[in-house]
Amino acid sequence: MTPEETPPTEQAAEAQTPPPVGSAANMDTAMDELLRALAESNDRWMRVSADLANVQKRAVKDREQARRFAVRDAVRALLPCFDNLERAVRSATPESAGPVLTGVQMVCDALPRALAECGVTAVSPEGGAFDPRFHEAIGQMPREDVPAGTVIEVQEKGYLLADLVIRPARVVISTQPVADSGAG
């Protein structure tokens, strides 16, 4: 019977039959094949193990990033409320204040602590150089006493979650005064 005529089950059985033990050449060939098969299996195992480690690292990174973005979104929703509370405290007078102002001030004092517990820090860059990564310029004002590009007023504080900008600080920056042309 030729190999083409041999049924597949018999071919598989013949392929799994070890070579005769009688010759050293057959034993060396069998040993080489076993070592090659072992090396291939070891290589596959190492690759699968490395892939698993990479997937686990990526999952941890993805979870952390999802948590950071969830905190960012929640804080972003709270910030306008905090801004309004601060405006209420600044605009209150002793005559209109009373217990309402005291309560609003207590909330204004507690909110930064709560944000800090979530890893959020306020950015109030007055007097520093304008940095577009952390600041949003909402106005300019000519000033001789400070260099151009200096933050001279903070309209709204900015907030960071670690290195992630939740909201840039809204600032007014200095410019050099326009020189008088002398026309007159």
N, C-alpha and C. Protein backbone atom coordinates (compact mmCIF):
# COMPACT_ATOMS: atom_id res chain seq x y z
N MET A 1 0.85 -1.16 0.00
CA MET A 1 0.00 0.00 0.00
C MET A 1 0.91 1.24 0.00
N THR A 2 0.61 2.24 -0.84
CA THR A 2 1.43 3.46 -0.93
C THR A 2 0.96 4.46 0.12
N PRO A 3 1.76 5.46 0.41
CA PRO A 3 1.35 6.46 1.42
C PRO A 3 0.06 7.16 1.05
N GLU A 4 -0.20 7.34 -0.27
CA GLU A 4 -1.45 8.00 -0.67
C GLU A 4 -2.65 7.12 -0.37
N GLU A 5 -2.46 5.80 -0.39
CA GLU A 5 -3.57 4.87 -0.18
C GLU A 5 -3.77 4.56 1.29
N THR A 6 -2.82 4.88 2.16
CA THR A 6 -2.93 4.58 3.59
C THR A 6 -3.96 5.50 4.21
N PRO A 7 -4.88 4.95 4.97
CA PRO A 7 -5.89 5.81 5.62
C PRO A 7 -5.21 6.77 6.59
N PRO A 8 -5.81 7.97 6.81
CA PRO A 8 -5.20 9.01 7.65
C PRO A 8 -4.93 8.53 9.07
N THR A 9 -5.76 7.70 9.65
CA THR A 9 -5.54 7.25 11.02
C THR A 9 -4.30 6.37 11.10
N GLU A 10 -4.06 5.57 10.09
CA GLU A 10 -2.86 4.74 10.08
C GLU A 10 -1.62 5.59 9.88
N GLN A 11 -1.73 6.67 9.03
CA GLN A 11 -0.59 7.57 8.82
C GLN A 11 -0.23 8.25 10.14
N ALA A 12 -1.21 8.69 10.88
CA ALA A 12 -0.96 9.35 12.16
C ALA A 12 -0.31 8.39 13.14
N ALA A 13 -0.77 7.14 13.16
CA ALA A 13 -0.20 6.14 14.06
C ALA A 13 1.25 5.86 13.69
N GLU A 14 1.53 5.78 12.37
CA GLU A 14 2.90 5.54 11.93
C GLU A 14 3.80 6.71 12.29
N ALA A 15 3.27 7.95 12.21
CA ALA A 15 4.07 9.14 12.51
C ALA A 15 4.42 9.19 13.99
N GLN A 16 3.58 8.65 14.85
CA GLN A 16 3.82 8.69 16.28
C GLN A 16 4.66 7.52 16.77
N THR A 17 4.87 6.54 15.93
CA THR A 17 5.66 5.37 16.30
C THR A 17 7.12 5.77 16.40
N PRO A 18 7.77 5.50 17.51
CA PRO A 18 9.18 5.88 17.65
C PRO A 18 10.05 5.08 16.69
N PRO A 19 11.18 5.64 16.30
CA PRO A 19 12.07 4.89 15.40
C PRO A 19 12.64 3.68 16.13
N PRO A 20 13.10 2.70 15.39
CA PRO A 20 13.68 1.52 16.02
C PRO A 20 14.85 1.91 16.90
N VAL A 21 15.00 1.21 18.01
CA VAL A 21 16.01 1.52 18.99
C VAL A 21 17.39 1.02 18.55
N GLY A 22 17.45 0.27 17.55
CA GLY A 22 18.67 -0.42 17.19
C GLY A 22 19.84 0.43 16.80
N SER A 23 19.67 1.65 16.22
CA SER A 23 20.85 2.36 15.72
C SER A 23 21.05 3.66 16.48
N ALA A 24 22.30 4.05 16.62
CA ALA A 24 22.66 5.28 17.32
C ALA A 24 22.22 6.50 16.51
N ALA A 25 22.26 6.41 15.19
CA ALA A 25 21.85 7.51 14.33
C ALA A 25 20.37 7.81 14.54
N ASN A 26 19.55 6.75 14.62
CA ASN A 26 18.12 6.95 14.86
C ASN A 26 17.88 7.59 16.24
N MET A 27 18.66 7.17 17.22
CA MET A 27 18.49 7.75 18.56
C MET A 27 18.90 9.22 18.57
N ASP A 28 19.98 9.56 17.87
CA ASP A 28 20.40 10.97 17.80
C ASP A 28 19.34 11.81 17.09
N THR A 29 18.77 11.28 16.01
CA THR A 29 17.73 11.99 15.27
C THR A 29 16.51 12.19 16.15
N ALA A 30 16.11 11.17 16.87
CA ALA A 30 14.95 11.26 17.75
C ALA A 30 15.22 12.28 18.86
N MET A 31 16.41 12.25 19.42
CA MET A 31 16.76 13.20 20.48
C MET A 31 16.74 14.62 19.95
N ASP A 32 17.28 14.82 18.75
CA ASP A 32 17.28 16.16 18.14
C ASP A 32 15.85 16.65 17.93
N GLU A 33 14.98 15.78 17.46
CA GLU A 33 13.58 16.15 17.23
C GLU A 33 12.89 16.50 18.55
N LEU A 34 13.15 15.72 19.58
CA LEU A 34 12.55 16.00 20.89
C LEU A 34 13.07 17.33 21.45
N LEU A 35 14.35 17.59 21.31
CA LEU A 35 14.92 18.85 21.79
C LEU A 35 14.35 20.04 21.02
N ARG A 36 14.18 19.87 19.70
CA ARG A 36 13.59 20.93 18.88
C ARG A 36 12.15 21.18 19.30
N ALA A 37 11.39 20.12 19.51
CA ALA A 37 10.00 20.26 19.93
C ALA A 37 9.91 20.92 21.30
N LEU A 38 10.82 20.56 22.19
CA LEU A 38 10.85 21.16 23.53
C LEU A 38 11.19 22.65 23.43
N ALA A 39 12.14 23.00 22.59
CA ALA A 39 12.52 24.40 22.41
C ALA A 39 11.35 25.21 21.84
N GLU A 40 10.63 24.64 20.86
CA GLU A 40 9.47 25.32 20.29
C GLU A 40 8.37 25.52 21.34
N SER A 41 8.13 24.49 22.13
CA SER A 41 7.12 24.59 23.19
C SER A 41 7.52 25.64 24.22
N ASN A 42 8.78 25.64 24.59
CA ASN A 42 9.28 26.62 25.55
C ASN A 42 9.14 28.04 24.98
N ASP A 43 9.47 28.21 23.71
CA ASP A 43 9.36 29.51 23.07
C ASP A 43 7.90 29.97 23.05
N ARG A 44 6.98 29.08 22.69
CA ARG A 44 5.55 29.44 22.68
C ARG A 44 5.09 29.82 24.08
N TRP A 45 5.53 29.05 25.09
CA TRP A 45 5.14 29.34 26.47
C TRP A 45 5.65 30.71 26.90
N MET A 46 6.90 31.03 26.56
CA MET A 46 7.48 32.33 26.92
C MET A 46 6.71 33.47 26.25
N ARG A 47 6.34 33.29 24.98
CA ARG A 47 5.59 34.34 24.27
C ARG A 47 4.20 34.53 24.88
N VAL A 48 3.52 33.45 25.19
CA VAL A 48 2.19 33.54 25.79
C VAL A 48 2.29 34.18 27.18
N SER A 49 3.31 33.81 27.93
CA SER A 49 3.52 34.40 29.25
C SER A 49 3.77 35.90 29.15
N ALA A 50 4.59 36.31 28.20
CA ALA A 50 4.87 37.74 28.00
C ALA A 50 3.61 38.47 27.56
N ASP A 51 2.84 37.86 26.66
CA ASP A 51 1.58 38.48 26.22
C ASP A 51 0.63 38.67 27.39
N LEU A 52 0.53 37.68 28.26
CA LEU A 52 -0.34 37.78 29.43
C LEU A 52 0.11 38.91 30.36
N ALA A 53 1.40 39.01 30.58
CA ALA A 53 1.93 40.09 31.44
C ALA A 53 1.62 41.45 30.83
N ASN A 54 1.74 41.58 29.52
CA ASN A 54 1.43 42.85 28.85
C ASN A 54 -0.05 43.19 28.97
N VAL A 55 -0.90 42.20 28.81
CA VAL A 55 -2.34 42.43 28.93
C VAL A 55 -2.68 42.87 30.36
N GLN A 56 -2.07 42.25 31.35
CA GLN A 56 -2.33 42.62 32.74
C GLN A 56 -1.87 44.04 33.02
N LYS A 57 -0.69 44.43 32.54
CA LYS A 57 -0.19 45.79 32.73
C LYS A 57 -1.12 46.80 32.05
N ARG A 58 -1.56 46.48 30.86
CA ARG A 58 -2.45 47.38 30.12
C ARG A 58 -3.78 47.53 30.85
N ALA A 59 -4.30 46.45 31.42
CA ALA A 59 -5.57 46.51 32.15
C ALA A 59 -5.45 47.41 33.37
N VAL A 60 -4.33 47.33 34.09
CA VAL A 60 -4.12 48.19 35.25
C VAL A 60 -4.05 49.65 34.80
N LYS A 61 -3.32 49.90 33.73
CA LYS A 61 -3.19 51.27 33.21
C LYS A 61 -4.55 51.80 32.76
N ASP A 62 -5.33 50.98 32.07
CA ASP A 62 -6.65 51.41 31.60
C ASP A 62 -7.59 51.70 32.76
N ARG A 63 -7.55 50.87 33.82
CA ARG A 63 -8.39 51.12 35.00
C ARG A 63 -8.03 52.44 35.67
N GLU A 64 -6.75 52.69 35.82
CA GLU A 64 -6.30 53.93 36.45
C GLU A 64 -6.71 55.15 35.62
N GLN A 65 -6.55 55.03 34.32
CA GLN A 65 -6.94 56.15 33.45
C GLN A 65 -8.44 56.38 33.50
N ALA A 66 -9.23 55.33 33.51
CA ALA A 66 -10.69 55.47 33.61
C ALA A 66 -11.08 56.13 34.92
N ARG A 67 -10.40 55.77 36.01
CA ARG A 67 -10.69 56.39 37.31
C ARG A 67 -10.35 57.88 37.29
N ARG A 68 -9.20 58.21 36.71
CA ARG A 68 -8.80 59.62 36.64
C ARG A 68 -9.80 60.43 35.84
N PHE A 69 -10.26 59.89 34.71
CA PHE A 69 -11.21 60.64 33.90
C PHE A 69 -12.57 60.75 34.58
N ALA A 70 -12.96 59.74 35.34
CA ALA A 70 -14.22 59.82 36.07
C ALA A 70 -14.15 60.90 37.14
N VAL A 71 -13.04 60.96 37.88
CA VAL A 71 -12.86 62.00 38.89
C VAL A 71 -12.82 63.36 38.21
N ARG A 72 -12.12 63.45 37.10
CA ARG A 72 -12.03 64.73 36.38
C ARG A 72 -13.41 65.23 36.00
N ASP A 73 -14.24 64.37 35.45
CA ASP A 73 -15.57 64.77 35.02
C ASP A 73 -16.44 65.21 36.20
N ALA A 74 -16.33 64.49 37.32
CA ALA A 74 -17.11 64.86 38.50
C ALA A 74 -16.66 66.21 39.05
N VAL A 75 -15.36 66.41 39.12
CA VAL A 75 -14.84 67.68 39.63
C VAL A 75 -15.21 68.82 38.68
N ARG A 76 -15.11 68.57 37.41
CA ARG A 76 -15.45 69.60 36.41
C ARG A 76 -16.91 70.05 36.59
N ALA A 77 -17.79 69.14 36.93
CA ALA A 77 -19.20 69.49 37.15
C ALA A 77 -19.38 70.30 38.43
N LEU A 78 -18.53 70.08 39.44
CA LEU A 78 -18.64 70.79 40.72
C LEU A 78 -18.02 72.19 40.71
N LEU A 79 -17.06 72.43 39.87
CA LEU A 79 -16.31 73.68 39.92
C LEU A 79 -17.17 74.92 39.74
N PRO A 80 -18.13 74.98 38.84
CA PRO A 80 -18.96 76.19 38.75
C PRO A 80 -19.71 76.49 40.05
N CYS A 81 -20.14 75.46 40.76
CA CYS A 81 -20.81 75.67 42.05
C CYS A 81 -19.84 76.31 43.04
N PHE A 82 -18.62 75.81 43.08
CA PHE A 82 -17.61 76.35 43.98
C PHE A 82 -17.29 77.80 43.61
N ASP A 83 -17.18 78.08 42.31
CA ASP A 83 -16.92 79.46 41.87
C ASP A 83 -18.03 80.39 42.35
N ASN A 84 -19.26 79.96 42.22
CA ASN A 84 -20.39 80.80 42.65
C ASN A 84 -20.38 81.02 44.16
N LEU A 85 -20.03 80.00 44.92
CA LEU A 85 -19.92 80.18 46.37
C LEU A 85 -18.85 81.20 46.72
N GLU A 86 -17.70 81.12 46.05
CA GLU A 86 -16.64 82.09 46.32
C GLU A 86 -17.08 83.50 45.96
N ARG A 87 -17.82 83.66 44.85
CA ARG A 87 -18.32 84.98 44.46
C ARG A 87 -19.30 85.51 45.51
N ALA A 88 -20.13 84.62 46.03
CA ALA A 88 -21.09 85.04 47.07
C ALA A 88 -20.37 85.55 48.31
N VAL A 89 -19.30 84.87 48.71
CA VAL A 89 -18.53 85.31 49.88
C VAL A 89 -17.87 86.66 49.61
N ARG A 90 -17.28 86.82 48.43
CA ARG A 90 -16.61 88.08 48.10
C ARG A 90 -17.58 89.25 48.03
N SER A 91 -18.79 89.02 47.55
CA SER A 91 -19.74 90.13 47.36
C SER A 91 -20.56 90.45 48.60
N ALA A 92 -20.52 89.61 49.61
CA ALA A 92 -21.31 89.84 50.82
C ALA A 92 -20.72 90.98 51.64
N THR A 93 -21.59 91.73 52.26
CA THR A 93 -21.18 92.80 53.16
C THR A 93 -21.53 92.38 54.58
N PRO A 94 -20.91 92.97 55.58
CA PRO A 94 -21.23 92.60 56.96
C PRO A 94 -22.71 92.80 57.28
N GLU A 95 -23.33 93.79 56.67
CA GLU A 95 -24.74 94.04 56.93
C GLU A 95 -25.64 92.95 56.36
N SER A 96 -25.25 92.40 55.20
CA SER A 96 -26.09 91.39 54.54
C SER A 96 -25.68 89.97 54.91
N ALA A 97 -24.61 89.86 55.64
CA ALA A 97 -24.01 88.55 55.85
C ALA A 97 -24.80 87.66 56.80
N GLY A 98 -24.54 87.77 58.03
CA GLY A 98 -25.20 86.93 59.01
C GLY A 98 -24.83 85.48 58.87
N PRO A 99 -25.74 84.62 59.31
CA PRO A 99 -25.46 83.18 59.30
C PRO A 99 -25.35 82.58 57.91
N VAL A 100 -25.99 83.19 56.91
CA VAL A 100 -25.90 82.64 55.55
C VAL A 100 -24.46 82.73 55.05
N LEU A 101 -23.84 83.87 55.26
CA LEU A 101 -22.45 84.03 54.84
C LEU A 101 -21.55 83.05 55.58
N THR A 102 -21.80 82.83 56.84
CA THR A 102 -21.01 81.88 57.61
C THR A 102 -21.13 80.48 57.03
N GLY A 103 -22.35 80.08 56.68
CA GLY A 103 -22.56 78.75 56.08
C GLY A 103 -21.89 78.61 54.73
N VAL A 104 -22.01 79.65 53.90
CA VAL A 104 -21.37 79.62 52.58
C VAL A 104 -19.85 79.55 52.75
N GLN A 105 -19.32 80.31 53.71
CA GLN A 105 -17.87 80.29 53.96
C GLN A 105 -17.42 78.91 54.41
N MET A 106 -18.22 78.23 55.22
CA MET A 106 -17.88 76.88 55.67
C MET A 106 -17.79 75.92 54.48
N VAL A 107 -18.73 76.05 53.54
CA VAL A 107 -18.70 75.20 52.34
C VAL A 107 -17.46 75.51 51.51
N CYS A 108 -17.15 76.81 51.36
CA CYS A 108 -15.97 77.20 50.59
C CYS A 108 -14.69 76.69 51.23
N ASP A 109 -14.67 76.59 52.54
CA ASP A 109 -13.49 76.07 53.22
C ASP A 109 -13.39 74.55 53.11
N ALA A 110 -14.52 73.85 53.10
CA ALA A 110 -14.52 72.38 53.08
C ALA A 110 -14.26 71.82 51.68
N LEU A 111 -14.74 72.50 50.66
CA LEU A 111 -14.63 71.95 49.30
C LEU A 111 -13.18 71.74 48.86
N PRO A 112 -12.26 72.67 49.09
CA PRO A 112 -10.87 72.38 48.68
C PRO A 112 -10.28 71.16 49.38
N ARG A 113 -10.65 70.93 50.62
CA ARG A 113 -10.15 69.73 51.32
C ARG A 113 -10.70 68.46 50.66
N ALA A 114 -11.99 68.51 50.29
CA ALA A 114 -12.59 67.34 49.62
C ALA A 114 -11.93 67.11 48.26
N LEU A 115 -11.66 68.16 47.53
CA LEU A 115 -10.99 68.02 46.23
C LEU A 115 -9.58 67.47 46.42
N ALA A 116 -8.88 67.93 47.44
CA ALA A 116 -7.52 67.44 47.70
C ALA A 116 -7.52 65.95 48.01
N GLU A 117 -8.55 65.48 48.70
CA GLU A 117 -8.65 64.04 48.99
C GLU A 117 -8.81 63.22 47.71
N CYS A 118 -9.36 63.85 46.67
CA CYS A 118 -9.51 63.18 45.37
C CYS A 118 -8.28 63.37 44.50
N GLY A 119 -7.25 64.05 45.01
CA GLY A 119 -6.03 64.27 44.24
C GLY A 119 -6.07 65.51 43.38
N VAL A 120 -7.00 66.41 43.64
CA VAL A 120 -7.16 67.62 42.84
C VAL A 120 -6.46 68.78 43.55
N THR A 121 -5.70 69.56 42.78
CA THR A 121 -5.05 70.75 43.33
C THR A 121 -5.47 71.97 42.54
N ALA A 122 -5.58 73.10 43.25
CA ALA A 122 -5.94 74.36 42.62
C ALA A 122 -4.70 75.02 42.03
N VAL A 123 -4.88 75.74 40.92
CA VAL A 123 -3.81 76.48 40.29
C VAL A 123 -4.22 77.94 40.28
N SER A 124 -3.51 78.76 41.04
CA SER A 124 -3.76 80.20 41.08
C SER A 124 -2.44 80.89 40.78
N PRO A 125 -2.17 81.17 39.50
CA PRO A 125 -0.83 81.56 39.07
C PRO A 125 -0.52 83.05 39.12
N GLU A 126 -1.22 83.84 39.90
CA GLU A 126 -1.02 85.28 39.89
C GLU A 126 0.45 85.61 40.17
N GLY A 127 1.01 86.48 39.31
CA GLY A 127 2.40 86.89 39.45
C GLY A 127 3.37 86.01 38.67
N GLY A 128 2.92 84.87 38.20
CA GLY A 128 3.79 83.97 37.44
C GLY A 128 3.69 84.21 35.94
N ALA A 129 4.50 83.52 35.20
CA ALA A 129 4.50 83.63 33.74
C ALA A 129 3.30 82.87 33.17
N PHE A 130 2.72 83.40 32.12
CA PHE A 130 1.60 82.74 31.45
C PHE A 130 2.08 81.45 30.81
N ASP A 131 1.35 80.35 31.05
CA ASP A 131 1.67 79.05 30.47
C ASP A 131 0.39 78.49 29.86
N PRO A 132 0.31 78.43 28.54
CA PRO A 132 -0.94 78.00 27.89
C PRO A 132 -1.35 76.55 28.21
N ARG A 133 -0.44 75.76 28.77
CA ARG A 133 -0.81 74.40 29.17
C ARG A 133 -1.73 74.41 30.39
N PHE A 134 -1.59 75.46 31.23
CA PHE A 134 -2.33 75.51 32.49
C PHE A 134 -3.21 76.76 32.63
N HIS A 135 -3.08 77.72 31.70
CA HIS A 135 -3.80 78.98 31.82
C HIS A 135 -4.58 79.27 30.55
N GLU A 136 -5.69 79.97 30.70
CA GLU A 136 -6.47 80.45 29.57
C GLU A 136 -6.53 81.96 29.71
N ALA A 137 -5.95 82.68 28.74
CA ALA A 137 -5.95 84.14 28.79
C ALA A 137 -7.33 84.64 28.36
N ILE A 138 -7.97 85.40 29.25
CA ILE A 138 -9.29 85.95 28.91
C ILE A 138 -9.22 87.46 28.75
N GLY A 139 -8.03 88.03 28.95
CA GLY A 139 -7.85 89.46 28.77
C GLY A 139 -6.39 89.84 28.87
N GLN A 140 -6.12 91.07 28.41
CA GLN A 140 -4.76 91.62 28.48
C GLN A 140 -4.86 93.03 29.04
N MET A 141 -3.82 93.44 29.74
CA MET A 141 -3.81 94.78 30.30
C MET A 141 -2.39 95.32 30.21
N PRO A 142 -2.22 96.52 29.63
CA PRO A 142 -0.88 97.10 29.57
C PRO A 142 -0.38 97.45 30.97
N ARG A 143 0.84 97.01 31.26
CA ARG A 143 1.45 97.29 32.58
C ARG A 143 2.94 97.53 32.38
N GLU A 144 3.45 98.58 33.01
CA GLU A 144 4.88 98.89 32.95
C GLU A 144 5.65 98.21 34.06
N ASP A 145 4.98 97.88 35.16
CA ASP A 145 5.68 97.38 36.34
C ASP A 145 5.98 95.89 36.31
N VAL A 146 5.46 95.16 35.32
CA VAL A 146 5.74 93.73 35.20
C VAL A 146 6.06 93.39 33.75
N PRO A 147 6.83 92.34 33.52
CA PRO A 147 7.13 91.96 32.12
C PRO A 147 5.87 91.49 31.39
N ALA A 148 5.89 91.64 30.08
CA ALA A 148 4.78 91.16 29.26
C ALA A 148 4.65 89.65 29.44
N GLY A 149 3.40 89.19 29.46
CA GLY A 149 3.16 87.75 29.60
C GLY A 149 3.06 87.29 31.04
N THR A 150 3.01 88.23 31.98
CA THR A 150 2.87 87.87 33.39
C THR A 150 1.39 87.83 33.75
N VAL A 151 1.00 86.85 34.54
CA VAL A 151 -0.39 86.77 35.00
C VAL A 151 -0.58 87.84 36.05
N ILE A 152 -1.47 88.81 35.78
CA ILE A 152 -1.68 89.90 36.73
C ILE A 152 -3.01 89.79 37.47
N GLU A 153 -3.90 88.93 36.98
CA GLU A 153 -5.18 88.74 37.66
C GLU A 153 -5.71 87.35 37.34
N VAL A 154 -6.24 86.68 38.34
CA VAL A 154 -6.85 85.36 38.15
C VAL A 154 -8.35 85.52 38.32
N GLN A 155 -9.10 85.31 37.24
CA GLN A 155 -10.55 85.40 37.30
C GLN A 155 -11.16 84.14 37.90
N GLU A 156 -10.64 82.98 37.49
CA GLU A 156 -11.07 81.69 38.04
C GLU A 156 -9.84 80.80 38.17
N LYS A 157 -9.71 80.17 39.33
CA LYS A 157 -8.59 79.26 39.54
C LYS A 157 -8.69 78.08 38.58
N GLY A 158 -7.55 77.53 38.24
CA GLY A 158 -7.50 76.31 37.47
C GLY A 158 -7.36 75.13 38.41
N TYR A 159 -7.61 73.92 37.89
CA TYR A 159 -7.52 72.72 38.72
C TYR A 159 -6.83 71.61 37.95
N LEU A 160 -5.98 70.87 38.69
CA LEU A 160 -5.24 69.74 38.13
C LEU A 160 -5.58 68.48 38.91
N LEU A 161 -5.66 67.37 38.20
CA LEU A 161 -5.74 66.05 38.81
C LEU A 161 -4.44 65.37 38.45
N ALA A 162 -3.50 65.34 39.41
CA ALA A 162 -2.12 64.93 39.14
C ALA A 162 -1.59 65.84 38.04
N ASP A 163 -1.27 65.32 36.86
CA ASP A 163 -0.78 66.16 35.77
C ASP A 163 -1.84 66.43 34.71
N LEU A 164 -3.07 66.05 34.97
CA LEU A 164 -4.17 66.23 34.03
C LEU A 164 -4.90 67.53 34.33
N VAL A 165 -4.99 68.42 33.36
CA VAL A 165 -5.69 69.69 33.55
C VAL A 165 -7.19 69.43 33.51
N ILE A 166 -7.85 69.72 34.63
CA ILE A 166 -9.31 69.61 34.68
C ILE A 166 -9.91 70.87 34.08
N ARG A 167 -9.38 72.01 34.54
CA ARG A 167 -9.80 73.30 33.99
C ARG A 167 -8.61 74.24 34.08
N PRO A 168 -8.28 74.93 32.99
CA PRO A 168 -7.18 75.89 33.07
C PRO A 168 -7.61 77.10 33.89
N ALA A 169 -6.62 77.76 34.53
CA ALA A 169 -6.90 79.00 35.24
C ALA A 169 -7.25 80.07 34.21
N ARG A 170 -8.31 80.82 34.46
CA ARG A 170 -8.72 81.90 33.54
C ARG A 170 -8.09 83.18 34.07
N VAL A 171 -7.21 83.75 33.25
CA VAL A 171 -6.34 84.82 33.74
C VAL A 171 -6.31 86.03 32.80
N VAL A 172 -5.89 87.16 33.37
CA VAL A 172 -5.58 88.36 32.62
C VAL A 172 -4.06 88.48 32.64
N ILE A 173 -3.47 88.73 31.46
CA ILE A 173 -2.01 88.81 31.39
C ILE A 173 -1.58 90.23 31.02
N SER A 174 -0.35 90.55 31.38
CA SER A 174 0.20 91.88 31.11
C SER A 174 0.73 91.95 29.69
N THR A 175 0.69 93.17 29.16
CA THR A 175 1.33 93.47 27.88
C THR A 175 2.17 94.74 28.10
N GLN A 176 3.04 95.00 27.20
CA GLN A 176 3.81 96.24 27.28
C GLN A 176 2.91 97.39 26.87
N PRO A 177 3.00 98.50 27.57
CA PRO A 177 2.17 99.65 27.19
C PRO A 177 2.52 100.13 25.80
N VAL A 178 1.53 100.64 25.12
CA VAL A 178 1.74 101.18 23.77
C VAL A 178 2.42 102.53 23.96
N ALA A 179 3.51 102.71 23.25
CA ALA A 179 4.24 103.98 23.35
C ALA A 179 3.43 105.10 22.72
N ASP A 180 3.44 106.24 23.37
CA ASP A 180 2.71 107.41 22.85
C ASP A 180 3.46 107.91 21.63
N SER A 181 2.75 108.13 20.54
CA SER A 181 3.40 108.54 19.28
C SER A 181 3.85 109.98 19.32
N GLY A 182 3.46 110.74 20.32
CA GLY A 182 3.91 112.11 20.44
C GLY A 182 3.09 113.07 19.61
N ALA A 183 2.04 112.62 18.97
CA ALA A 183 1.19 113.52 18.16
C ALA A 183 0.39 114.40 19.08
N GLY A 184 0.30 115.65 18.77
CA GLY A 184 -0.50 116.45 19.66
C GLY A 184 -0.61 117.77 19.24
